PDB file of all heavy atoms in Angstrom:
ATOM      1  N   GLU A   1      83.698  68.882 155.449  1.00  0.00           N
ATOM      2  CA  GLU A   1      82.735  67.806 155.312  1.00  0.00           C
ATOM      3  C   GLU A   1      81.466  68.272 154.591  1.00  0.00           C
ATOM      4  O   GLU A   1      80.885  67.566 153.783  1.00  0.00           O
ATOM      5  CB  GLU A   1      82.402  67.217 156.683  1.00  0.00           C
ATOM      6  CG  GLU A   1      83.542  66.433 157.320  1.00  0.00           C
ATOM      7  CD  GLU A   1      83.109  65.714 158.580  1.00  0.00           C
ATOM      8  OE1 GLU A   1      82.015  65.164 158.609  1.00  0.00           O
ATOM      9  OE2 GLU A   1      83.909  65.733 159.542  1.00  0.00           O
ATOM     10  N   VAL A   2      81.027  69.483 154.894  1.00  0.00           N
ATOM     11  CA  VAL A   2      79.827  70.006 154.253  1.00  0.00           C
ATOM     12  C   VAL A   2      80.098  70.190 152.751  1.00  0.00           C
ATOM     13  O   VAL A   2      79.281  69.826 151.909  1.00  0.00           O
ATOM     14  CB  VAL A   2      79.414  71.376 154.848  1.00  0.00           C
ATOM     15  CG1 VAL A   2      78.257  71.986 154.070  1.00  0.00           C
ATOM     16  CG2 VAL A   2      79.022  71.169 156.336  1.00  0.00           C
ATOM     17  N   LEU A   3      81.257  70.734 152.424  1.00  0.00           N
ATOM     18  CA  LEU A   3      81.604  70.921 151.007  1.00  0.00           C
ATOM     19  C   LEU A   3      81.675  69.585 150.271  1.00  0.00           C
ATOM     20  O   LEU A   3      81.224  69.472 149.130  1.00  0.00           O
ATOM     21  CB  LEU A   3      82.950  71.650 150.878  1.00  0.00           C
ATOM     22  CG  LEU A   3      82.916  73.163 151.231  1.00  0.00           C
ATOM     23  CD1 LEU A   3      84.336  73.704 151.301  1.00  0.00           C
ATOM     24  CD2 LEU A   3      82.089  73.932 150.250  1.00  0.00           C
ATOM     25  N   ASP A   4      82.227  68.573 150.929  1.00  0.00           N
ATOM     26  CA  ASP A   4      82.304  67.250 150.286  1.00  0.00           C
ATOM     27  C   ASP A   4      80.914  66.694 150.034  1.00  0.00           C
ATOM     28  O   ASP A   4      80.632  66.112 148.991  1.00  0.00           O
ATOM     29  CB  ASP A   4      83.081  66.297 151.171  1.00  0.00           C
ATOM     30  CG  ASP A   4      84.602  66.520 151.123  1.00  0.00           C
ATOM     31  OD1 ASP A   4      85.055  67.252 150.219  1.00  0.00           O
ATOM     32  OD2 ASP A   4      85.302  65.977 152.021  1.00  0.00           O
ATOM     33  N   MET A   5      79.987  66.899 150.997  1.00  0.00           N
ATOM     34  CA  MET A   5      78.622  66.389 150.840  1.00  0.00           C
ATOM     35  C   MET A   5      77.921  67.122 149.680  1.00  0.00           C
ATOM     36  O   MET A   5      77.253  66.507 148.854  1.00  0.00           O
ATOM     37  CB  MET A   5      77.856  66.577 152.140  1.00  0.00           C
ATOM     38  CG  MET A   5      78.335  65.691 153.281  1.00  0.00           C
ATOM     39  SD  MET A   5      77.428  65.935 154.822  1.00  0.00           S
ATOM     40  CE  MET A   5      75.866  65.131 154.410  1.00  0.00           C
ATOM     41  N   VAL A   6      78.071  68.417 149.642  1.00  0.00           N
ATOM     42  CA  VAL A   6      77.442  69.212 148.589  1.00  0.00           C
ATOM     43  C   VAL A   6      77.973  68.782 147.207  1.00  0.00           C
ATOM     44  O   VAL A   6      77.208  68.626 146.248  1.00  0.00           O
ATOM     45  CB  VAL A   6      77.664  70.714 148.846  1.00  0.00           C
ATOM     46  CG1 VAL A   6      77.347  71.530 147.585  1.00  0.00           C
ATOM     47  CG2 VAL A   6      76.790  71.178 149.997  1.00  0.00           C
ATOM     48  N   LYS A   7      79.270  68.605 147.109  1.00  0.00           N
ATOM     49  CA  LYS A   7      79.861  68.203 145.825  1.00  0.00           C
ATOM     50  C   LYS A   7      79.371  66.835 145.405  1.00  0.00           C
ATOM     51  O   LYS A   7      79.146  66.581 144.203  1.00  0.00           O
ATOM     52  CB  LYS A   7      81.396  68.231 145.938  1.00  0.00           C
ATOM     53  CG  LYS A   7      81.956  69.640 146.034  1.00  0.00           C
ATOM     54  CD  LYS A   7      83.456  69.630 146.240  1.00  0.00           C
ATOM     55  CE  LYS A   7      84.008  71.077 146.367  1.00  0.00           C
ATOM     56  NZ  LYS A   7      85.453  71.111 146.643  1.00  0.00           N
ATOM     57  N   GLU A   8      79.188  65.929 146.354  1.00  0.00           N
ATOM     58  CA  GLU A   8      78.672  64.595 146.037  1.00  0.00           C
ATOM     59  C   GLU A   8      77.211  64.682 145.591  1.00  0.00           C
ATOM     60  O   GLU A   8      76.784  64.016 144.650  1.00  0.00           O
ATOM     61  CB  GLU A   8      78.825  63.667 147.220  1.00  0.00           C
ATOM     62  CG  GLU A   8      78.184  62.278 147.053  1.00  0.00           C
ATOM     63  CD  GLU A   8      78.737  61.494 145.879  1.00  0.00           C
ATOM     64  OE1 GLU A   8      79.836  61.818 145.384  1.00  0.00           O
ATOM     65  OE2 GLU A   8      78.047  60.574 145.432  1.00  0.00           O
ATOM     66  N   GLN A   9      76.410  65.514 146.253  1.00  0.00           N
ATOM     67  CA  GLN A   9      75.014  65.683 145.821  1.00  0.00           C
ATOM     68  C   GLN A   9      74.979  66.222 144.384  1.00  0.00           C
ATOM     69  O   GLN A   9      74.181  65.772 143.564  1.00  0.00           O
ATOM     70  CB  GLN A   9      74.313  66.649 146.773  1.00  0.00           C
ATOM     71  CG  GLN A   9      74.058  66.112 148.152  1.00  0.00           C
ATOM     72  CD  GLN A   9      73.540  67.179 149.080  1.00  0.00           C
ATOM     73  OE1 GLN A   9      73.592  68.365 148.817  1.00  0.00           O
ATOM     74  NE2 GLN A   9      73.006  66.750 150.225  1.00  0.00           N
ATOM     75  N   HIS A  10      75.832  67.186 144.107  1.00  0.00           N
ATOM     76  CA  HIS A  10      75.884  67.752 142.746  1.00  0.00           C
ATOM     77  C   HIS A  10      76.309  66.690 141.738  1.00  0.00           C
ATOM     78  O   HIS A  10      75.754  66.618 140.620  1.00  0.00           O
ATOM     79  CB  HIS A  10      76.844  68.931 142.709  1.00  0.00           C
ATOM     80  CG  HIS A  10      76.966  69.592 141.387  1.00  0.00           C
ATOM     81  ND1 HIS A  10      75.894  70.291 140.817  1.00  0.00           N
ATOM     82  CD2 HIS A  10      77.981  69.684 140.508  1.00  0.00           C
ATOM     83  CE1 HIS A  10      76.298  70.786 139.650  1.00  0.00           C
ATOM     84  NE2 HIS A  10      77.550  70.419 139.428  1.00  0.00           N
ATOM     85  N   ARG A  11      77.296  65.878 142.096  1.00  0.00           N
ATOM     86  CA  ARG A  11      77.744  64.827 141.190  1.00  0.00           C
ATOM     87  C   ARG A  11      76.625  63.842 140.848  1.00  0.00           C
ATOM     88  O   ARG A  11      76.568  63.348 139.721  1.00  0.00           O
ATOM     89  CB  ARG A  11      78.913  64.072 141.842  1.00  0.00           C
ATOM     90  CG  ARG A  11      79.597  63.062 140.921  1.00  0.00           C
ATOM     91  CD  ARG A  11      80.490  62.098 141.693  1.00  0.00           C
ATOM     92  NE  ARG A  11      79.713  61.222 142.559  1.00  0.00           N
ATOM     93  CZ  ARG A  11      79.053  60.148 142.120  1.00  0.00           C
ATOM     94  NH1 ARG A  11      79.039  59.840 140.834  1.00  0.00           N
ATOM     95  NH2 ARG A  11      78.357  59.391 142.948  1.00  0.00           N
ATOM     96  N   ARG A  12      75.726  63.601 141.786  1.00  0.00           N
ATOM     97  CA  ARG A  12      74.626  62.674 141.536  1.00  0.00           C
ATOM     98  C   ARG A  12      73.534  63.283 140.662  1.00  0.00           C
ATOM     99  O   ARG A  12      72.628  62.560 140.253  1.00  0.00           O
ATOM    100  CB  ARG A  12      74.022  62.227 142.872  1.00  0.00           C
ATOM    101  CG  ARG A  12      74.978  61.372 143.674  1.00  0.00           C
ATOM    102  CD  ARG A  12      74.341  60.799 144.932  1.00  0.00           C
ATOM    103  NE  ARG A  12      75.374  60.230 145.773  1.00  0.00           N
ATOM    104  CZ  ARG A  12      75.149  59.628 146.947  1.00  0.00           C
ATOM    105  NH1 ARG A  12      73.909  59.521 147.406  1.00  0.00           N
ATOM    106  NH2 ARG A  12      76.159  59.152 147.665  1.00  0.00           N
ATOM    107  N   GLY A  13      73.604  64.556 140.389  1.00  0.00           N
ATOM    108  CA  GLY A  13      72.631  65.170 139.477  1.00  0.00           C
ATOM    109  C   GLY A  13      71.706  66.183 140.119  1.00  0.00           C
ATOM    110  O   GLY A  13      70.749  66.595 139.440  1.00  0.00           O
ATOM    111  N   ALA A  14      71.979  66.606 141.344  1.00  0.00           N
ATOM    112  CA  ALA A  14      71.100  67.588 141.981  1.00  0.00           C
ATOM    113  C   ALA A  14      71.221  68.939 141.279  1.00  0.00           C
ATOM    114  O   ALA A  14      72.323  69.422 140.967  1.00  0.00           O
ATOM    115  CB  ALA A  14      71.506  67.738 143.446  1.00  0.00           C
ATOM    116  N   ASP A  15      70.082  69.563 141.023  1.00  0.00           N
ATOM    117  CA  ASP A  15      70.047  70.928 140.506  1.00  0.00           C
ATOM    118  C   ASP A  15      70.334  71.918 141.627  1.00  0.00           C
ATOM    119  O   ASP A  15      70.904  72.985 141.428  1.00  0.00           O
ATOM    120  CB  ASP A  15      68.699  71.222 139.868  1.00  0.00           C
ATOM    121  CG  ASP A  15      68.391  70.277 138.712  1.00  0.00           C
ATOM    122  OD1 ASP A  15      68.992  70.415 137.671  1.00  0.00           O
ATOM    123  OD2 ASP A  15      67.523  69.384 138.911  1.00  0.00           O
ATOM    124  N   ILE A  16      69.889  71.568 142.848  1.00  0.00           N
ATOM    125  CA  ILE A  16      70.163  72.357 144.047  1.00  0.00           C
ATOM    126  C   ILE A  16      70.561  71.361 145.133  1.00  0.00           C
ATOM    127  O   ILE A  16      69.937  70.308 145.285  1.00  0.00           O
ATOM    128  CB  ILE A  16      68.917  73.151 144.520  1.00  0.00           C
ATOM    129  CG1 ILE A  16      68.479  74.136 143.418  1.00  0.00           C
ATOM    130  CG2 ILE A  16      69.222  73.894 145.811  1.00  0.00           C
ATOM    131  CD1 ILE A  16      67.204  74.859 143.761  1.00  0.00           C
ATOM    132  N   CYS A  17      71.623  71.689 145.870  1.00  0.00           N
ATOM    133  CA  CYS A  17      72.116  70.818 146.945  1.00  0.00           C
ATOM    134  C   CYS A  17      71.656  71.413 148.291  1.00  0.00           C
ATOM    135  O   CYS A  17      71.607  72.609 148.448  1.00  0.00           O
ATOM    136  CB  CYS A  17      73.622  70.714 146.895  1.00  0.00           C
ATOM    137  SG  CYS A  17      74.285  70.216 145.279  1.00  0.00           S
ATOM    138  N   LYS A  18      71.409  70.509 149.242  1.00  0.00           N
ATOM    139  CA  LYS A  18      70.963  70.983 150.558  1.00  0.00           C
ATOM    140  C   LYS A  18      71.561  70.140 151.668  1.00  0.00           C
ATOM    141  O   LYS A  18      71.461  68.915 151.656  1.00  0.00           O
ATOM    142  CB  LYS A  18      69.412  70.925 150.648  1.00  0.00           C
ATOM    143  CG  LYS A  18      68.845  71.285 152.010  1.00  0.00           C
ATOM    144  CD  LYS A  18      67.332  71.110 152.026  1.00  0.00           C
ATOM    145  CE  LYS A  18      66.734  71.302 153.413  1.00  0.00           C
ATOM    146  NZ  LYS A  18      65.292  71.016 153.444  1.00  0.00           N
ATOM    147  N   VAL A  19      72.198  70.846 152.633  1.00  0.00           N
ATOM    148  CA  VAL A  19      72.748  70.196 153.801  1.00  0.00           C
ATOM    149  C   VAL A  19      72.263  70.965 155.017  1.00  0.00           C
ATOM    150  O   VAL A  19      72.328  72.184 155.085  1.00  0.00           O
ATOM    151  CB  VAL A  19      74.276  70.128 153.778  1.00  0.00           C
ATOM    152  CG1 VAL A  19      74.813  69.542 155.087  1.00  0.00           C
ATOM    153  CG2 VAL A  19      74.771  69.292 152.594  1.00  0.00           C
ATOM    154  N   VAL A  20      71.782  70.222 156.023  1.00  0.00           N
ATOM    155  CA  VAL A  20      71.332  70.818 157.282  1.00  0.00           C
ATOM    156  C   VAL A  20      72.207  70.251 158.411  1.00  0.00           C
ATOM    157  O   VAL A  20      72.222  69.038 158.646  1.00  0.00           O
ATOM    158  CB  VAL A  20      69.840  70.529 157.567  1.00  0.00           C
ATOM    159  CG1 VAL A  20      69.397  71.257 158.840  1.00  0.00           C
ATOM    160  CG2 VAL A  20      68.988  70.946 156.380  1.00  0.00           C
ATOM    161  N   THR A  21      72.913  71.127 159.150  1.00  0.00           N
ATOM    162  CA  THR A  21      73.783  70.675 160.234  1.00  0.00           C
ATOM    163  C   THR A  21      73.264  71.254 161.544  1.00  0.00           C
ATOM    164  O   THR A  21      72.080  71.409 161.752  1.00  0.00           O
ATOM    165  CB  THR A  21      75.240  71.057 159.963  1.00  0.00           C
ATOM    166  OG1 THR A  21      75.347  72.495 159.933  1.00  0.00           O
ATOM    167  CG2 THR A  21      75.731  70.496 158.642  1.00  0.00           C
ATOM    168  N   GLY A  22      74.200  71.645 162.434  1.00  0.00           N
ATOM    169  CA  GLY A  22      73.812  72.200 163.722  1.00  0.00           C
ATOM    170  C   GLY A  22      74.742  73.320 164.144  1.00  0.00           C
ATOM    171  O   GLY A  22      75.849  73.459 163.610  1.00  0.00           O
ATOM    172  N   ALA A  23      74.281  74.132 165.093  1.00  0.00           N
ATOM    173  CA  ALA A  23      75.117  75.178 165.662  1.00  0.00           C
ATOM    174  C   ALA A  23      74.630  75.442 167.089  1.00  0.00           C
ATOM    175  O   ALA A  23      73.620  76.088 167.293  1.00  0.00           O
ATOM    176  CB  ALA A  23      75.007  76.481 164.842  1.00  0.00           C
ATOM    177  N   GLU A  24      75.355  74.891 168.042  1.00  0.00           N
ATOM    178  CA  GLU A  24      74.967  74.992 169.441  1.00  0.00           C
ATOM    179  C   GLU A  24      75.703  76.083 170.210  1.00  0.00           C
ATOM    180  O   GLU A  24      75.370  76.397 171.319  1.00  0.00           O
ATOM    181  CB  GLU A  24      75.182  73.659 170.148  1.00  0.00           C
ATOM    182  CG  GLU A  24      74.333  72.526 169.571  1.00  0.00           C
ATOM    183  CD  GLU A  24      72.847  72.731 169.797  1.00  0.00           C
ATOM    184  OE1 GLU A  24      72.466  73.592 170.605  1.00  0.00           O
ATOM    185  OE2 GLU A  24      72.062  72.015 169.169  1.00  0.00           O
ATOM    186  N   ASN A  25      76.739  76.671 169.580  1.00  0.00           N
ATOM    187  CA  ASN A  25      77.549  77.713 170.261  1.00  0.00           C
ATOM    188  C   ASN A  25      78.109  78.671 169.224  1.00  0.00           C
ATOM    189  O   ASN A  25      77.971  78.452 168.019  1.00  0.00           O
ATOM    190  CB  ASN A  25      78.661  77.082 171.109  1.00  0.00           C
ATOM    191  CG  ASN A  25      79.531  76.143 170.295  1.00  0.00           C
ATOM    192  OD1 ASN A  25      80.106  76.540 169.293  1.00  0.00           O
ATOM    193  ND2 ASN A  25      79.659  74.896 170.723  1.00  0.00           N
ATOM    194  N   ASP A  26      78.746  79.722 169.697  1.00  0.00           N
ATOM    195  CA  ASP A  26      79.255  80.759 168.790  1.00  0.00           C
ATOM    196  C   ASP A  26      80.353  80.241 167.865  1.00  0.00           C
ATOM    197  O   ASP A  26      80.448  80.686 166.716  1.00  0.00           O
ATOM    198  CB  ASP A  26      79.775  81.937 169.592  1.00  0.00           C
ATOM    199  CG  ASP A  26      78.643  82.768 170.237  1.00  0.00           C
ATOM    200  OD1 ASP A  26      77.484  82.597 169.804  1.00  0.00           O
ATOM    201  OD2 ASP A  26      78.935  83.573 171.148  1.00  0.00           O
ATOM    202  N   LEU A  27      81.154  79.319 168.332  1.00  0.00           N
ATOM    203  CA  LEU A  27      82.214  78.786 167.499  1.00  0.00           C
ATOM    204  C   LEU A  27      81.640  78.051 166.309  1.00  0.00           C
ATOM    205  O   LEU A  27      82.074  78.210 165.165  1.00  0.00           O
ATOM    206  CB  LEU A  27      83.123  77.879 168.311  1.00  0.00           C
ATOM    207  CG  LEU A  27      84.325  77.265 167.576  1.00  0.00           C
ATOM    208  CD1 LEU A  27      85.228  78.363 167.042  1.00  0.00           C
ATOM    209  CD2 LEU A  27      85.098  76.312 168.482  1.00  0.00           C
ATOM    210  N   GLU A  28      80.618  77.192 166.586  1.00  0.00           N
ATOM    211  CA  GLU A  28      80.003  76.455 165.485  1.00  0.00           C
ATOM    212  C   GLU A  28      79.258  77.402 164.555  1.00  0.00           C
ATOM    213  O   GLU A  28      79.242  77.202 163.319  1.00  0.00           O
ATOM    214  CB  GLU A  28      79.057  75.399 166.062  1.00  0.00           C
ATOM    215  CG  GLU A  28      79.789  74.269 166.790  1.00  0.00           C
ATOM    216  CD  GLU A  28      78.865  73.248 167.417  1.00  0.00           C
ATOM    217  OE1 GLU A  28      77.637  73.501 167.442  1.00  0.00           O
ATOM    218  OE2 GLU A  28      79.355  72.224 167.872  1.00  0.00           O
ATOM    219  N   LEU A  29      78.643  78.429 165.099  1.00  0.00           N
ATOM    220  CA  LEU A  29      77.934  79.417 164.296  1.00  0.00           C
ATOM    221  C   LEU A  29      78.906  80.115 163.336  1.00  0.00           C
ATOM    222  O   LEU A  29      78.630  80.262 162.150  1.00  0.00           O
ATOM    223  CB  LEU A  29      77.242  80.442 165.167  1.00  0.00           C
ATOM    224  CG  LEU A  29      76.555  81.589 164.423  1.00  0.00           C
ATOM    225  CD1 LEU A  29      75.442  81.100 163.521  1.00  0.00           C
ATOM    226  CD2 LEU A  29      76.004  82.614 165.423  1.00  0.00           C
ATOM    227  N   SER A  30      80.060  80.570 163.862  1.00  0.00           N
ATOM    228  CA  SER A  30      81.040  81.272 163.013  1.00  0.00           C
ATOM    229  C   SER A  30      81.569  80.368 161.913  1.00  0.00           C
ATOM    230  O   SER A  30      81.774  80.796 160.783  1.00  0.00           O
ATOM    231  CB  SER A  30      82.176  81.836 163.855  1.00  0.00           C
ATOM    232  OG  SER A  30      82.885  80.810 164.495  1.00  0.00           O
ATOM    233  N   GLU A  31      81.784  79.099 162.251  1.00  0.00           N
ATOM    234  CA  GLU A  31      82.220  78.126 161.247  1.00  0.00           C
ATOM    235  C   GLU A  31      81.155  77.934 160.166  1.00  0.00           C
ATOM    236  O   GLU A  31      81.474  77.827 158.968  1.00  0.00           O
ATOM    237  CB  GLU A  31      82.547  76.784 161.908  1.00  0.00           C
ATOM    238  CG  GLU A  31      82.950  75.677 160.937  1.00  0.00           C
ATOM    239  CD  GLU A  31      84.389  75.776 160.437  1.00  0.00           C
ATOM    240  OE1 GLU A  31      85.100  76.728 160.859  1.00  0.00           O
ATOM    241  OE2 GLU A  31      84.746  74.962 159.605  1.00  0.00           O
ATOM    242  N   ASN A  32      79.912  77.918 160.565  1.00  0.00           N
ATOM    243  CA  ASN A  32      78.824  77.764 159.594  1.00  0.00           C
ATOM    244  C   ASN A  32      78.772  78.969 158.653  1.00  0.00           C
ATOM    245  O   ASN A  32      78.463  78.819 157.464  1.00  0.00           O
ATOM    246  CB  ASN A  32      77.494  77.554 160.270  1.00  0.00           C
ATOM    247  CG  ASN A  32      77.331  76.161 160.799  1.00  0.00           C
ATOM    248  OD1 ASN A  32      78.137  75.262 160.483  1.00  0.00           O
ATOM    249  ND2 ASN A  32      76.306  75.915 161.618  1.00  0.00           N
ATOM    250  N   PHE A  33      79.026  80.168 159.174  1.00  0.00           N
ATOM    251  CA  PHE A  33      79.052  81.337 158.312  1.00  0.00           C
ATOM    252  C   PHE A  33      80.189  81.207 157.296  1.00  0.00           C
ATOM    253  O   PHE A  33      80.033  81.586 156.137  1.00  0.00           O
ATOM    254  CB  PHE A  33      79.182  82.600 159.130  1.00  0.00           C
ATOM    255  CG  PHE A  33      77.887  83.117 159.676  1.00  0.00           C
ATOM    256  CD1 PHE A  33      77.742  83.425 161.023  1.00  0.00           C
ATOM    257  CD2 PHE A  33      76.804  83.354 158.850  1.00  0.00           C
ATOM    258  CE1 PHE A  33      76.553  83.905 161.524  1.00  0.00           C
ATOM    259  CE2 PHE A  33      75.586  83.819 159.350  1.00  0.00           C
ATOM    260  CZ  PHE A  33      75.476  84.087 160.681  1.00  0.00           C
ATOM    261  N   ARG A  34      81.356  80.724 157.722  1.00  0.00           N
ATOM    262  CA  ARG A  34      82.457  80.534 156.785  1.00  0.00           C
ATOM    263  C   ARG A  34      82.074  79.523 155.709  1.00  0.00           C
ATOM    264  O   ARG A  34      82.369  79.679 154.544  1.00  0.00           O
ATOM    265  CB  ARG A  34      83.718  80.087 157.549  1.00  0.00           C
ATOM    266  CG  ARG A  34      84.431  81.214 158.288  1.00  0.00           C
ATOM    267  CD  ARG A  34      85.813  80.764 158.717  1.00  0.00           C
ATOM    268  NE  ARG A  34      85.746  79.752 159.743  1.00  0.00           N
ATOM    269  CZ  ARG A  34      85.685  80.013 161.044  1.00  0.00           C
ATOM    270  NH1 ARG A  34      85.678  81.245 161.506  1.00  0.00           N
ATOM    271  NH2 ARG A  34      85.638  79.032 161.931  1.00  0.00           N
ATOM    272  N   THR A  35      81.419  78.445 156.154  1.00  0.00           N
ATOM    273  CA  THR A  35      80.961  77.450 155.184  1.00  0.00           C
ATOM    274  C   THR A  35      80.004  78.046 154.194  1.00  0.00           C
ATOM    275  O   THR A  35      80.089  77.783 152.981  1.00  0.00           O
ATOM    276  CB  THR A  35      80.301  76.250 155.917  1.00  0.00           C
ATOM    277  OG1 THR A  35      81.264  75.685 156.839  1.00  0.00           O
ATOM    278  CG2 THR A  35      79.850  75.203 154.964  1.00  0.00           C
ATOM    279  N   SER A  36      79.083  78.862 154.655  1.00  0.00           N
ATOM    280  CA  SER A  36      78.095  79.481 153.766  1.00  0.00           C
ATOM    281  C   SER A  36      78.783  80.363 152.739  1.00  0.00           C
ATOM    282  O   SER A  36      78.412  80.424 151.555  1.00  0.00           O
ATOM    283  CB  SER A  36      77.082  80.318 154.551  1.00  0.00           C
ATOM    284  OG  SER A  36      76.295  79.479 155.350  1.00  0.00           O
ATOM    285  N   ALA A  37      79.829  81.103 153.192  1.00  0.00           N
ATOM    286  CA  ALA A  37      80.591  81.966 152.288  1.00  0.00           C
ATOM    287  C   ALA A  37      81.288  81.148 151.210  1.00  0.00           C
ATOM    288  O   ALA A  37      81.324  81.559 150.016  1.00  0.00           O
ATOM    289  CB  ALA A  37      81.573  82.814 153.060  1.00  0.00           C
ATOM    290  N   ARG A  38      81.835  80.025 151.571  1.00  0.00           N
ATOM    291  CA  ARG A  38      82.470  79.144 150.585  1.00  0.00           C
ATOM    292  C   ARG A  38      81.470  78.588 149.596  1.00  0.00           C
ATOM    293  O   ARG A  38      81.718  78.537 148.384  1.00  0.00           O
ATOM    294  CB  ARG A  38      83.201  77.992 151.302  1.00  0.00           C
ATOM    295  CG  ARG A  38      84.504  78.389 151.999  1.00  0.00           C
ATOM    296  CD  ARG A  38      85.593  78.719 150.983  1.00  0.00           C
ATOM    297  NE  ARG A  38      85.798  77.642 150.039  1.00  0.00           N
ATOM    298  CZ  ARG A  38      86.532  76.556 150.266  1.00  0.00           C
ATOM    299  NH1 ARG A  38      87.135  76.382 151.436  1.00  0.00           N
ATOM    300  NH2 ARG A  38      86.658  75.645 149.305  1.00  0.00           N
ATOM    301  N   LEU A  39      80.318  78.182 150.098  1.00  0.00           N
ATOM    302  CA  LEU A  39      79.283  77.614 149.228  1.00  0.00           C
ATOM    303  C   LEU A  39      78.768  78.674 148.245  1.00  0.00           C
ATOM    304  O   LEU A  39      78.373  78.348 147.118  1.00  0.00           O
ATOM    305  CB  LEU A  39      78.135  77.064 150.048  1.00  0.00           C
ATOM    306  CG  LEU A  39      78.476  75.799 150.894  1.00  0.00           C
ATOM    307  CD1 LEU A  39      77.296  75.473 151.809  1.00  0.00           C
ATOM    308  CD2 LEU A  39      78.774  74.605 149.976  1.00  0.00           C
ATOM    309  N   ALA A  40      78.759  79.944 148.686  1.00  0.00           N
ATOM    310  CA  ALA A  40      78.286  81.012 147.815  1.00  0.00           C
ATOM    311  C   ALA A  40      79.196  81.205 146.591  1.00  0.00           C
ATOM    312  O   ALA A  40      78.795  81.824 145.606  1.00  0.00           O
ATOM    313  CB  ALA A  40      78.180  82.321 148.578  1.00  0.00           C
TER     314      ALA A  40
END
């Protein structure tokens, strides 16, 4: 879902895309790190 949002922001003409989500536990944190690696 984060990747889809970023791609849509880019499609609209963003020079930089920004998404802010949440991380309330270690599982969500580890998933966010994976997402960050993909975005990189």
